[in-house]
Amino acid sequence: MAGSTTAERGERQQRSSGPPPARRLRRRHVRVIVILVLALVFLGIPTLWLFYGSDWLRAERVSVSGTRVLTPAQVRVAAEVPLGEPLISVDTDAIETRLRQKLPRIDAVDVVRSWPHGIDLKVVERTPVLIVQKGGKFVEVDDEGVRFATVSETPKGVPALELTLSRSGSAAASLRRFGEPRLVREAVGVARAVPAAVARGTRTVKVRSYDHISLELKDGRTVVWGSSEKGAAKARALTALMKAARDARHFDVSVPTAPASSGS
């Protein structure tokens, strides 16, 4: 009896000789958290000062790449990069928005921080597919039908867009149904689908209605294209027709399965 009492007393003493394992584990976690907090405090303050308070990481230069018609100087002025400000606080989204608003010729721009002192502006300009004469000037139209710039001279190799939209009959109905912007996009679709060899020799893309678009070539030949639908099939038909009827002056691929040519 006494022996068992002594053993029990020994177990109680052993258990009471230190804190339970769970309590020791919690204390260890607390110490780890305290150490981490102190490390963050001592490391974080210098890091914040480095990025925001020091002169080592500030915006000091702006580089521009990708321009063709625009000049790097034009892009820098429109970007309004806040030179002298901490590089990390420069609002790259705001710069991109300003460039798109002020320079419609820009189709896309990537604004990148170039540590430790630079901002890189990587520009992609819109490419004219058609031009529209307006007075003595010319309006450039890109492959999405966007009129993005007015120039004093026609860009080399870019055909003119001629909108001869009748206000009566079926052409008027087409205009009411689709609207001029949609018809311009249809003309763009045709210009993009025309075979490269024909595109180089195209002077004018004429739009009378949605399904009556034609081409006037520099050598006087004409092509009735129809709508922009089935552009690839029409391109193949036109290429084959021009090879088969080399002396023809007029081609019609509005129905690509039944192309026709005439004149000599």
C-alpha atoms as a PDB file:
ATOM      1  CA  MET A   1       0.000   0.000   0.000  1.00  0.00           C
ATOM      2  CA  ALA A   2       2.791   2.324   0.999  1.00  0.00           C
ATOM      3  CA  GLY A   3       4.723   1.307  -2.111  1.00  0.00           C
ATOM      4  CA  SER A   4       1.902   2.222  -4.419  1.00  0.00           C
ATOM      5  CA  THR A   5       1.448   5.541  -2.619  1.00  0.00           C
ATOM      6  CA  THR A   6       5.090   6.379  -3.062  1.00  0.00           C
ATOM      7  CA  ALA A   7       4.925   5.576  -6.817  1.00  0.00           C
ATOM      8  CA  GLU A   8       1.864   7.759  -7.303  1.00  0.00           C
ATOM      9  CA  ARG A   9       3.559  10.560  -5.396  1.00  0.00           C
ATOM     10  CA  GLY A  10       6.603  10.215  -7.715  1.00  0.00           C
ATOM     11  CA  GLU A  11       4.457  10.469 -10.836  1.00  0.00           C
ATOM     12  CA  ARG A  12       2.745  13.583  -9.501  1.00  0.00           C
ATOM     13  CA  GLN A  13       6.130  15.168  -8.753  1.00  0.00           C
ATOM     14  CA  GLN A  14       7.389  14.308 -12.253  1.00  0.00           C
ATOM     15  CA  ARG A  15       4.328  15.848 -13.859  1.00  0.00           C
ATOM     16  CA  SER A  16       4.604  18.977 -11.726  1.00  0.00           C
ATOM     17  CA  SER A  17       8.309  19.433 -12.403  1.00  0.00           C
ATOM     18  CA  GLY A  18       7.617  21.567 -15.537  1.00  0.00           C
ATOM     19  CA  PRO A  19       4.808  23.020 -17.684  1.00  0.00           C
ATOM     20  CA  PRO A  20       2.713  20.703 -19.824  1.00  0.00           C
ATOM     21  CA  PRO A  21       3.954  20.089 -23.415  1.00  0.00           C
ATOM     22  CA  ALA A  22       1.099  22.098 -24.935  1.00  0.00           C
ATOM     23  CA  ARG A  23       1.930  25.111 -22.771  1.00  0.00           C
ATOM     24  CA  ARG A  24       5.629  24.880 -23.678  1.00  0.00           C
ATOM     25  CA  LEU A  25       4.691  24.749 -27.374  1.00  0.00           C
ATOM     26  CA  ARG A  26       2.519  27.863 -27.064  1.00  0.00           C
ATOM     27  CA  ARG A  27       5.367  29.744 -25.381  1.00  0.00           C
ATOM     28  CA  ARG A  28       7.722  28.718 -28.155  1.00  0.00           C
ATOM     29  CA  HIS A  29       5.267  30.026 -30.765  1.00  0.00           C
ATOM     30  CA  VAL A  30       4.983  33.332 -28.916  1.00  0.00           C
ATOM     31  CA  ARG A  31       8.780  33.712 -28.888  1.00  0.00           C
ATOM     32  CA  VAL A  32       8.950  32.996 -32.621  1.00  0.00           C
ATOM     33  CA  ILE A  33       6.227  35.560 -33.355  1.00  0.00           C
ATOM     34  CA  VAL A  34       7.981  38.196 -31.232  1.00  0.00           C
ATOM     35  CA  ILE A  35      11.262  37.574 -33.036  1.00  0.00           C
ATOM     36  CA  LEU A  36       9.567  37.830 -36.447  1.00  0.00           C
ATOM     37  CA  VAL A  37       7.802  41.073 -35.507  1.00  0.00           C
ATOM     38  CA  LEU A  38      11.053  42.597 -34.305  1.00  0.00           C
ATOM     39  CA  ALA A  39      12.806  41.487 -37.498  1.00  0.00           C
ATOM     40  CA  LEU A  40      10.079  43.027 -39.656  1.00  0.00           C
ATOM     41  CA  VAL A  41      10.274  46.279 -37.708  1.00  0.00           C
ATOM     42  CA  PHE A  42      14.045  46.554 -37.983  1.00  0.00           C
ATOM     43  CA  LEU A  43      14.143  45.426 -41.615  1.00  0.00           C
ATOM     44  CA  GLY A  44      10.923  47.115 -42.768  1.00  0.00           C
ATOM     45  CA  ILE A  45      11.761  50.659 -41.725  1.00  0.00           C
ATOM     46  CA  PRO A  46      15.045  50.770 -43.668  1.00  0.00           C
ATOM     47  CA  THR A  47      13.318  49.139 -46.651  1.00  0.00           C
ATOM     48  CA  LEU A  48      10.530  51.716 -46.638  1.00  0.00           C
ATOM     49  CA  TRP A  49      13.086  54.494 -46.372  1.00  0.00           C
ATOM     50  CA  LEU A  50      15.079  52.976 -49.263  1.00  0.00           C
ATOM     51  CA  PHE A  51      12.051  52.914 -51.578  1.00  0.00           C
ATOM     52  CA  TYR A  52      10.319  56.117 -50.507  1.00  0.00           C
ATOM     53  CA  GLY A  53      12.757  58.357 -48.664  1.00  0.00           C
ATOM     54  CA  SER A  54      16.157  57.899 -50.243  1.00  0.00           C
ATOM     55  CA  ASP A  55      17.472  59.379 -53.488  1.00  0.00           C
ATOM     56  CA  TRP A  56      18.711  56.015 -54.705  1.00  0.00           C
ATOM     57  CA  LEU A  57      15.461  54.714 -56.273  1.00  0.00           C
ATOM     58  CA  ARG A  58      13.848  57.748 -57.884  1.00  0.00           C
ATOM     59  CA  ALA A  59      12.542  58.299 -61.415  1.00  0.00           C
ATOM     60  CA  GLU A  60      15.258  60.182 -63.264  1.00  0.00           C
ATOM     61  CA  ARG A  61      14.997  59.129 -66.921  1.00  0.00           C
ATOM     62  CA  VAL A  62      12.340  58.069 -69.434  1.00  0.00           C
ATOM     63  CA  SER A  63      13.223  55.862 -72.400  1.00  0.00           C
ATOM     64  CA  VAL A  64      10.910  55.337 -75.395  1.00  0.00           C
ATOM     65  CA  SER A  65      10.960  52.499 -77.920  1.00  0.00           C
ATOM     66  CA  GLY A  66       8.756  51.308 -80.781  1.00  0.00           C
ATOM     67  CA  THR A  67       7.864  54.676 -82.319  1.00  0.00           C
ATOM     68  CA  ARG A  68       7.645  55.010 -86.113  1.00  0.00           C
ATOM     69  CA  VAL A  69       5.734  58.213 -86.870  1.00  0.00           C
ATOM     70  CA  LEU A  70       5.681  59.686 -83.380  1.00  0.00           C
ATOM     71  CA  THR A  71       8.929  60.975 -81.916  1.00  0.00           C
ATOM     72  CA  PRO A  72      10.265  59.854 -78.530  1.00  0.00           C
ATOM     73  CA  ALA A  73      10.022  63.485 -77.404  1.00  0.00           C
ATOM     74  CA  GLN A  74       6.280  63.578 -78.183  1.00  0.00           C
ATOM     75  CA  VAL A  75       5.737  60.424 -76.164  1.00  0.00           C
ATOM     76  CA  ARG A  76       7.740  61.720 -73.181  1.00  0.00           C
ATOM     77  CA  VAL A  77       5.807  64.985 -73.098  1.00  0.00           C
ATOM     78  CA  ALA A  78       2.431  63.218 -73.279  1.00  0.00           C
ATOM     79  CA  ALA A  79       3.424  60.659 -70.630  1.00  0.00           C
ATOM     80  CA  GLU A  80       4.126  63.324 -67.976  1.00  0.00           C
ATOM     81  CA  VAL A  81       6.283  60.960 -65.924  1.00  0.00           C
ATOM     82  CA  PRO A  82       6.813  62.595 -62.479  1.00  0.00           C
ATOM     83  CA  LEU A  83      10.600  62.805 -62.480  1.00  0.00           C
ATOM     84  CA  GLY A  84      12.153  63.009 -59.057  1.00  0.00           C
ATOM     85  CA  GLU A  85       9.406  60.968 -57.432  1.00  0.00           C
ATOM     86  CA  PRO A  86      10.098  57.572 -55.807  1.00  0.00           C
ATOM     87  CA  LEU A  87      10.141  55.023 -58.626  1.00  0.00           C
ATOM     88  CA  ILE A  88       7.899  52.625 -56.714  1.00  0.00           C
ATOM     89  CA  SER A  89       5.137  55.229 -56.375  1.00  0.00           C
ATOM     90  CA  VAL A  90       4.979  56.164 -60.081  1.00  0.00           C
ATOM     91  CA  ASP A  91       1.465  55.332 -61.327  1.00  0.00           C
ATOM     92  CA  THR A  92       2.125  53.329 -64.491  1.00  0.00           C
ATOM     93  CA  ASP A  93      -1.593  52.881 -65.239  1.00  0.00           C
ATOM     94  CA  ALA A  94      -2.109  56.652 -65.199  1.00  0.00           C
ATOM     95  CA  ILE A  95       0.799  57.109 -67.615  1.00  0.00           C
ATOM     96  CA  GLU A  96      -0.710  54.561 -69.998  1.00  0.00           C
ATOM     97  CA  THR A  97      -4.091  56.298 -69.839  1.00  0.00           C
ATOM     98  CA  ARG A  98      -2.561  59.703 -70.581  1.00  0.00           C
ATOM     99  CA  LEU A  99      -0.669  58.360 -73.583  1.00  0.00           C
ATOM    100  CA  ARG A 100      -3.767  56.731 -75.076  1.00  0.00           C
ATOM    101  CA  GLN A 101      -5.837  59.886 -74.580  1.00  0.00           C
ATOM    102  CA  LYS A 102      -3.277  62.371 -75.866  1.00  0.00           C
ATOM    103  CA  LEU A 103      -1.786  60.296 -78.683  1.00  0.00           C
ATOM    104  CA  PRO A 104      -4.532  58.290 -80.473  1.00  0.00           C
ATOM    105  CA  ARG A 105      -1.863  56.969 -82.841  1.00  0.00           C
ATOM    106  CA  ILE A 106      -0.736  54.711 -79.995  1.00  0.00           C
ATOM    107  CA  ASP A 107      -2.441  51.325 -80.194  1.00  0.00           C
ATOM    108  CA  ALA A 108      -0.726  49.789 -77.147  1.00  0.00           C
ATOM    109  CA  VAL A 109       1.882  50.855 -74.632  1.00  0.00           C
ATOM    110  CA  ASP A 110       3.722  48.995 -71.901  1.00  0.00           C
ATOM    111  CA  VAL A 111       4.922  51.176 -69.016  1.00  0.00           C
ATOM    112  CA  VAL A 112       7.721  49.441 -67.116  1.00  0.00           C
ATOM    113  CA  ARG A 113       9.828  50.478 -64.113  1.00  0.00           C
ATOM    114  CA  SER A 114      13.491  50.032 -64.956  1.00  0.00           C
ATOM    115  CA  TRP A 115      15.312  49.945 -61.630  1.00  0.00           C
ATOM    116  CA  PRO A 116      16.934  51.881 -60.159  1.00  0.00           C
ATOM    117  CA  HIS A 117      16.086  55.143 -61.969  1.00  0.00           C
ATOM    118  CA  GLY A 118      14.128  54.576 -65.190  1.00  0.00           C
ATOM    119  CA  ILE A 119      10.691  54.356 -66.718  1.00  0.00           C
ATOM    120  CA  ASP A 120      10.526  52.509 -70.054  1.00  0.00           C
ATOM    121  CA  LEU A 121       7.687  53.265 -72.478  1.00  0.00           C
ATOM    122  CA  LYS A 122       7.289  50.505 -75.072  1.00  0.00           C
ATOM    123  CA  VAL A 123       4.951  51.825 -77.756  1.00  0.00           C
ATOM    124  CA  VAL A 124       3.020  50.090 -80.542  1.00  0.00           C
ATOM    125  CA  GLU A 125       1.611  52.534 -83.096  1.00  0.00           C
ATOM    126  CA  ARG A 126      -1.531  51.996 -85.129  1.00  0.00           C
ATOM    127  CA  THR A 127      -0.970  51.139 -88.794  1.00  0.00           C
ATOM    128  CA  PRO A 128      -3.201  52.791 -91.410  1.00  0.00           C
ATOM    129  CA  VAL A 129      -5.135  50.393 -93.631  1.00  0.00           C
ATOM    130  CA  LEU A 130      -7.202  53.063 -95.413  1.00  0.00           C
ATOM    131  CA  ILE A 131      -7.223  56.838 -95.639  1.00  0.00           C
ATOM    132  CA  VAL A 132     -10.191  59.177 -95.920  1.00  0.00           C
ATOM    133  CA  GLN A 133      -9.761  62.548 -97.589  1.00  0.00           C
ATOM    134  CA  LYS A 134     -11.137  65.416 -95.551  1.00  0.00           C
ATOM    135  CA  GLY A 135     -10.651  68.784 -97.173  1.00  0.00           C
ATOM    136  CA  GLY A 136      -6.966  69.094 -97.926  1.00  0.00           C
ATOM    137  CA  LYS A 137      -6.039  66.582 -95.236  1.00  0.00           C
ATOM    138  CA  PHE A 138      -6.168  62.801 -94.923  1.00  0.00           C
ATOM    139  CA  VAL A 139      -7.564  60.799 -92.011  1.00  0.00           C
ATOM    140  CA  GLU A 140      -5.840  57.495 -91.271  1.00  0.00           C
ATOM    141  CA  VAL A 141      -8.020  54.464 -90.473  1.00  0.00           C
ATOM    142  CA  ASP A 142      -6.546  51.392 -88.769  1.00  0.00           C
ATOM    143  CA  ASP A 143      -7.447  47.706 -89.073  1.00  0.00           C
ATOM    144  CA  GLU A 144     -10.231  48.088 -86.502  1.00  0.00           C
ATOM    145  CA  GLY A 145     -11.886  50.954 -88.357  1.00  0.00           C
ATOM    146  CA  VAL A 146     -10.568  53.566 -85.890  1.00  0.00           C
ATOM    147  CA  ARG A 147      -9.845  56.993 -87.359  1.00  0.00           C
ATOM    148  CA  PHE A 148      -6.777  57.851 -85.344  1.00  0.00           C
ATOM    149  CA  ALA A 149      -4.788  60.629 -87.043  1.00  0.00           C
ATOM    150  CA  THR A 150      -5.019  63.416 -89.614  1.00  0.00           C
ATOM    151  CA  VAL A 151      -2.022  63.935 -91.894  1.00  0.00           C
ATOM    152  CA  SER A 152      -1.211  66.369 -94.667  1.00  0.00           C
ATOM    153  CA  GLU A 153       0.138  63.744 -97.084  1.00  0.00           C
ATOM    154  CA  THR A 154      -1.157  60.300 -98.011  1.00  0.00           C
ATOM    155  CA  PRO A 155       0.877  57.467 -96.465  1.00  0.00           C
ATOM    156  CA  LYS A 156       2.675  55.499 -99.154  1.00  0.00           C
ATOM    157  CA  GLY A 157       0.906  52.349-100.266  1.00  0.00           C
ATOM    158  CA  VAL A 158      -2.325  52.997 -98.329  1.00  0.00           C
ATOM    159  CA  PRO A 159      -5.490  53.061-100.495  1.00  0.00           C
ATOM    160  CA  ALA A 160      -8.148  55.723-100.158  1.00  0.00           C
ATOM    161  CA  LEU A 161     -11.597  54.973 -98.770  1.00  0.00           C
ATOM    162  CA  GLU A 162     -14.406  56.469-100.809  1.00  0.00           C
ATOM    163  CA  LEU A 163     -17.867  56.404 -99.257  1.00  0.00           C
ATOM    164  CA  THR A 164     -20.419  56.890-102.023  1.00  0.00           C
ATOM    165  CA  LEU A 165     -23.446  56.200 -99.857  1.00  0.00           C
ATOM    166  CA  SER A 166     -26.700  56.887-101.639  1.00  0.00           C
ATOM    167  CA  ARG A 167     -29.513  58.452 -99.600  1.00  0.00           C
ATOM    168  CA  SER A 168     -32.184  56.638-101.590  1.00  0.00           C
ATOM    169  CA  GLY A 169     -33.064  53.092-102.564  1.00  0.00           C
ATOM    170  CA  SER A 170     -31.391  49.961-101.188  1.00  0.00           C
ATOM    171  CA  ALA A 171     -28.139  51.801-100.453  1.00  0.00           C
ATOM    172  CA  ALA A 172     -30.006  54.161 -98.139  1.00  0.00           C
ATOM    173  CA  ALA A 173     -31.576  51.198 -96.376  1.00  0.00           C
ATOM    174  CA  SER A 174     -28.117  49.713 -95.912  1.00  0.00           C
ATOM    175  CA  LEU A 175     -26.860  52.971 -94.438  1.00  0.00           C
ATOM    176  CA  ARG A 176     -29.786  53.183 -92.030  1.00  0.00           C
ATOM    177  CA  ARG A 177     -29.372  49.575 -90.950  1.00  0.00           C
ATOM    178  CA  PHE A 178     -25.611  49.452 -90.448  1.00  0.00           C
ATOM    179  CA  GLY A 179     -24.533  53.076 -90.031  1.00  0.00           C
ATOM    180  CA  GLU A 180     -21.435  54.682 -91.514  1.00  0.00           C
ATOM    181  CA  PRO A 181     -18.967  53.397 -88.852  1.00  0.00           C
ATOM    182  CA  ARG A 182     -19.976  49.780 -89.573  1.00  0.00           C
ATOM    183  CA  LEU A 183     -19.605  50.327 -93.320  1.00  0.00           C
ATOM    184  CA  VAL A 184     -16.130  51.743 -92.738  1.00  0.00           C
ATOM    185  CA  ARG A 185     -15.223  48.597 -90.785  1.00  0.00           C
ATOM    186  CA  GLU A 186     -16.551  46.496 -93.656  1.00  0.00           C
ATOM    187  CA  ALA A 187     -14.265  48.365 -96.049  1.00  0.00           C
ATOM    188  CA  VAL A 188     -11.364  47.709 -93.696  1.00  0.00           C
ATOM    189  CA  GLY A 189     -12.231  44.012 -93.719  1.00  0.00           C
ATOM    190  CA  VAL A 190     -12.107  44.007 -97.513  1.00  0.00           C
ATOM    191  CA  ALA A 191      -8.782  45.865 -97.587  1.00  0.00           C
ATOM    192  CA  ARG A 192      -7.277  43.290 -95.231  1.00  0.00           C
ATOM    193  CA  ALA A 193      -8.571  40.334 -97.251  1.00  0.00           C
ATOM    194  CA  VAL A 194      -7.369  41.507-100.668  1.00  0.00           C
ATOM    195  CA  PRO A 195      -4.371  39.486-101.933  1.00  0.00           C
ATOM    196  CA  ALA A 196      -1.064  41.224-101.209  1.00  0.00           C
ATOM    197  CA  ALA A 197      -0.191  41.654-104.893  1.00  0.00           C
ATOM    198  CA  VAL A 198      -3.556  43.329-105.542  1.00  0.00           C
ATOM    199  CA  ALA A 199      -3.401  45.389-102.356  1.00  0.00           C
ATOM    200  CA  ARG A 200      -0.121  46.980-103.455  1.00  0.00           C
ATOM    201  CA  GLY A 201      -1.819  48.153-106.632  1.00  0.00           C
ATOM    202  CA  THR A 202      -5.099  49.327-105.082  1.00  0.00           C
ATOM    203  CA  ARG A 203      -5.829  53.027-105.322  1.00  0.00           C
ATOM    204  CA  THR A 204      -9.352  53.217-103.874  1.00  0.00           C
ATOM    205  CA  VAL A 205     -11.803  51.099-101.899  1.00  0.00           C
ATOM    206  CA  LYS A 206     -15.323  52.267-102.764  1.00  0.00           C
ATOM    207  CA  VAL A 207     -18.318  51.604-100.531  1.00  0.00           C
ATOM    208  CA  ARG A 208     -21.820  52.062-101.918  1.00  0.00           C
ATOM    209  CA  SER A 209     -23.591  49.772 -99.444  1.00  0.00           C
ATOM    210  CA  TYR A 210     -22.889  46.880 -97.102  1.00  0.00           C
ATOM    211  CA  ASP A 211     -22.802  44.321 -99.920  1.00  0.00           C
ATOM    212  CA  HIS A 212     -21.453  46.586-102.668  1.00  0.00           C
ATOM    213  CA  ILE A 213     -17.789  47.267-102.048  1.00  0.00           C
ATOM    214  CA  SER A 214     -15.380  47.534-104.953  1.00  0.00           C
ATOM    215  CA  LEU A 215     -11.720  48.232-105.671  1.00  0.00           C
ATOM    216  CA  GLU A 216     -10.172  50.605-108.150  1.00  0.00           C
ATOM    217  CA  LEU A 217      -6.619  49.628-109.047  1.00  0.00           C
ATOM    218  CA  LYS A 218      -3.838  52.004-110.028  1.00  0.00           C
ATOM    219  CA  ASP A 219      -3.743  50.632-113.577  1.00  0.00           C
ATOM    220  CA  GLY A 220      -7.456  51.346-114.088  1.00  0.00           C
ATOM    221  CA  ARG A 221      -8.774  47.837-113.512  1.00  0.00           C
ATOM    222  CA  THR A 222     -11.735  47.343-111.165  1.00  0.00           C
ATOM    223  CA  VAL A 223     -12.826  44.588-108.809  1.00  0.00           C
ATOM    224  CA  VAL A 224     -16.363  44.091-107.516  1.00  0.00           C
ATOM    225  CA  TRP A 225     -15.883  42.483-104.108  1.00  0.00           C
ATOM    226  CA  GLY A 226     -19.360  42.638-102.593  1.00  0.00           C
ATOM    227  CA  SER A 227     -19.459  42.477 -98.789  1.00  0.00           C
ATOM    228  CA  SER A 228     -16.526  41.612 -96.542  1.00  0.00           C
ATOM    229  CA  GLU A 229     -17.921  38.121 -95.985  1.00  0.00           C
ATOM    230  CA  LYS A 230     -16.002  35.101 -97.343  1.00  0.00           C
ATOM    231  CA  GLY A 231     -12.913  37.262 -97.783  1.00  0.00           C
ATOM    232  CA  ALA A 232     -10.451  34.368 -98.029  1.00  0.00           C
ATOM    233  CA  ALA A 233     -12.512  32.611-100.723  1.00  0.00           C
ATOM    234  CA  LYS A 234     -12.850  35.842-102.689  1.00  0.00           C
ATOM    235  CA  ALA A 235      -9.100  36.441-102.473  1.00  0.00           C
ATOM    236  CA  ARG A 236      -8.380  32.987-103.887  1.00  0.00           C
ATOM    237  CA  ALA A 237     -10.950  33.454-106.632  1.00  0.00           C
ATOM    238  CA  LEU A 238      -9.512  36.850-107.605  1.00  0.00           C
ATOM    239  CA  THR A 239      -5.955  35.522-107.749  1.00  0.00           C
ATOM    240  CA  ALA A 240      -6.996  32.644-110.003  1.00  0.00           C
ATOM    241  CA  LEU A 241      -9.184  34.890-112.177  1.00  0.00           C
ATOM    242  CA  MET A 242      -6.447  37.441-112.749  1.00  0.00           C
ATOM    243  CA  LYS A 243      -4.054  34.686-113.839  1.00  0.00           C
ATOM    244  CA  ALA A 244      -6.622  33.147-116.175  1.00  0.00           C
ATOM    245  CA  ALA A 245      -7.823  36.442-117.703  1.00  0.00           C
ATOM    246  CA  ARG A 246      -4.690  38.597-117.793  1.00  0.00           C
ATOM    247  CA  ASP A 247      -6.153  41.077-120.284  1.00  0.00           C
ATOM    248  CA  ALA A 248      -9.429  41.597-118.452  1.00  0.00           C
ATOM    249  CA  ARG A 249     -10.194  45.030-117.023  1.00  0.00           C
ATOM    250  CA  HIS A 250     -13.108  44.191-114.727  1.00  0.00           C
ATOM    251  CA  PHE A 251     -13.382  41.378-112.203  1.00  0.00           C
ATOM    252  CA  ASP A 252     -16.320  40.292-110.057  1.00  0.00           C
ATOM    253  CA  VAL A 253     -15.768  37.989-107.085  1.00  0.00           C
ATOM    254  CA  SER A 254     -18.835  39.009-105.093  1.00  0.00           C
ATOM    255  CA  VAL A 255     -19.919  35.370-105.489  1.00  0.00           C
ATOM    256  CA  PRO A 256     -16.584  33.561-105.116  1.00  0.00           C
ATOM    257  CA  THR A 257     -17.944  30.262-106.442  1.00  0.00           C
ATOM    258  CA  ALA A 258     -18.871  31.976-109.713  1.00  0.00           C
ATOM    259  CA  PRO A 259     -16.250  34.694-110.396  1.00  0.00           C
ATOM    260  CA  ALA A 260     -16.429  36.627-113.645  1.00  0.00           C
ATOM    261  CA  SER A 261     -14.232  38.934-115.727  1.00  0.00           C
ATOM    262  CA  SER A 262     -14.843  41.213-118.669  1.00  0.00           C
ATOM    263  CA  GLY A 263     -13.226  43.835-120.900  1.00  0.00           C
ATOM    264  CA  SER A 264      -9.799  43.802-122.449  1.00  0.00           C
END
